[in-house]
Protein backbone atom coordinates (compact mmCIF):
# COMPACT_ATOMS: atom_id res chain seq x y z
CA MET A 1 -1.25 -21.87 -11.93
CA SER A 2 -0.42 -19.31 -9.18
CA LYS A 3 -3.21 -17.38 -7.66
CA GLY A 4 -0.75 -14.90 -5.92
CA VAL A 5 2.49 -15.25 -3.69
CA HIS A 6 2.75 -14.55 0.15
CA LEU A 7 6.03 -13.31 1.29
CA ILE A 8 6.45 -13.78 5.05
CA VAL A 9 9.45 -11.39 6.36
CA ASP A 10 11.08 -11.69 9.79
CA CYS A 11 12.97 -8.97 10.55
CA HIS A 12 15.57 -8.90 13.65
CA ASN A 13 17.86 -6.21 14.99
CA VAL A 14 15.62 -3.47 13.54
CA PRO A 15 16.27 0.14 14.90
CA ARG A 16 14.02 1.46 17.49
CA SER A 17 13.00 4.47 15.51
CA THR A 18 11.66 1.91 12.52
CA LEU A 19 9.60 0.08 15.27
CA ILE A 20 7.76 2.96 16.69
CA ASP A 21 7.40 5.49 13.94
CA SER A 22 4.26 3.88 11.98
CA ASP A 23 3.68 7.08 9.90
CA GLN A 24 7.32 6.69 8.42
CA MET A 25 6.61 2.81 7.59
CA LEU A 26 3.15 3.65 6.04
CA GLU A 27 4.73 6.60 3.92
CA ASN A 28 7.49 4.38 2.64
CA LEU A 29 5.21 1.48 1.97
CA VAL A 30 2.80 3.45 -0.04
CA GLU A 31 5.82 5.01 -1.93
CA VAL A 32 7.31 1.60 -2.80
CA LEU A 33 3.80 0.09 -3.77
CA THR A 34 2.86 2.77 -5.87
CA GLN A 35 6.19 2.65 -7.68
CA CYS A 36 5.62 -1.04 -8.26
CA GLY A 37 2.29 -0.52 -9.71
CA PHE A 38 0.19 -1.39 -6.94
CA THR A 39 -3.32 0.27 -6.09
CA VAL A 40 -3.66 1.45 -2.44
CA VAL A 41 -7.31 1.12 -1.29
CA HIS A 42 -6.89 1.71 2.48
CA GLN A 43 -4.00 2.12 5.04
CA PHE A 44 -4.23 2.43 8.66
CA ALA A 45 -1.72 1.98 11.91
CA GLU A 46 -2.37 1.39 15.57
CA SER A 47 -0.18 1.50 18.49
CA ARG A 48 0.12 -1.68 19.93
CA GLN A 49 -1.30 -2.19 23.53
CA TYR A 50 0.79 -4.46 25.66
CA VAL A 51 4.03 -3.89 24.08
CA GLN A 52 5.75 -0.56 22.40
CA GLY A 53 5.44 -1.08 18.87
CA TYR A 54 2.73 -0.75 16.09
CA VAL A 55 0.47 -2.83 13.65
CA ALA A 56 0.12 -1.41 10.30
CA ALA A 57 -2.04 -2.55 7.23
CA ILE A 58 -2.21 -1.60 3.76
CA VAL A 59 -5.03 -2.97 1.56
CA LEU A 60 -4.32 -3.31 -2.07
CA ASP A 61 -6.50 -3.78 -4.79
CA GLU A 62 -4.17 -6.58 -5.56
CA SER A 63 -4.16 -7.92 -2.00
CA HIS A 64 -2.37 -6.43 1.38
CA VAL A 65 0.57 -5.59 3.18
CA THR A 66 0.63 -6.01 6.93
CA CYS A 67 3.46 -5.12 9.69
CA HIS A 68 3.68 -5.90 13.30
CA THR A 69 6.42 -4.42 15.53
CA ARG A 70 7.86 -4.98 18.83
CA ALA A 71 10.37 -2.23 19.97
CA ASP A 72 11.05 -4.14 23.21
CA ASP A 73 13.03 -6.82 21.33
CA GLY A 74 13.95 -5.09 18.06
CA THR A 75 11.64 -7.39 15.66
CA MET A 76 9.23 -6.72 13.11
CA ALA A 77 6.96 -9.32 11.31
CA MET A 78 5.92 -8.31 7.64
CA ASP A 79 3.19 -10.10 5.36
CA ILE A 80 3.32 -9.07 1.71
CA PHE A 81 0.58 -10.66 -0.27
CA THR A 82 0.15 -10.17 -4.14
CA CYS A 83 -2.24 -11.57 -6.30
CA GLY A 84 -1.80 -12.40 -10.09
CA ASP A 85 1.30 -11.55 -11.93
CA ASN A 86 2.58 -9.22 -9.33
CA HIS A 87 5.49 -10.43 -7.18
CA PRO A 88 5.99 -9.16 -3.64
CA ARG A 89 9.82 -9.30 -3.62
CA PRO A 90 10.19 -5.92 -5.37
CA VAL A 91 7.98 -4.31 -2.60
CA LEU A 92 10.58 -5.74 0.22
CA ASP A 93 13.50 -4.67 -1.88
CA GLY A 94 12.38 -1.16 -2.33
CA LEU A 95 11.30 -1.06 1.31
CA MET A 96 14.91 -1.96 2.10
CA LYS A 97 16.29 0.83 0.09
CA LEU A 98 14.41 3.55 1.97
CA MET A 99 14.62 2.41 5.50
CA ASN A 100 16.72 -0.07 7.75
CA ILE A 101 14.66 -3.23 8.67
CA GLY A 102 17.43 -5.06 10.35
CA THR A 103 18.33 -8.62 9.32
CA ILE A 104 15.69 -10.33 7.45
CA ALA A 105 14.61 -13.91 6.74
CA THR A 106 11.89 -14.54 4.24
CA ARG A 107 9.52 -17.49 3.17
CA GLU A 108 7.75 -17.43 -0.16
CA VAL A 109 4.41 -19.34 -0.24
CA GLU A 110 2.76 -19.67 -3.76
CA ARG A 111 -1.19 -19.66 -3.48
CA LEU A 112 -2.59 -22.07 -5.79
CA GLN A 113 -5.46 -21.43 -8.13
CA GLY A 114 -8.70 -23.35 -6.96
CA ALA A 115 -6.99 -23.90 -3.39
CA ILE A 116 -9.98 -21.37 -2.17
CA PRO A 117 -13.46 -22.09 -3.19
């Protein structure tokens, strides 16, 4: 039985505006997560120190979403982890409707019940 699903998203050719505007990313993610029925517990974003970009995280009652951007090479890495019956794919689909996140490649990892003591 599944304990949850990790959706690992690698984005390439992302517009620079997306990679430097953490406020817009958080606003869009919170909108999509709320529409998908998730409960946002905490959110934050911080500029990265060594490259232009940001790290953003949203803690959910049902798990989390993280995002790391690198404006210098047009990339973004996202991690969407949801527990229980909620699947992360609608979150990614909703985000893609709101903003251009470039060309994506995804990997899905099922977290199995009993795998974590």
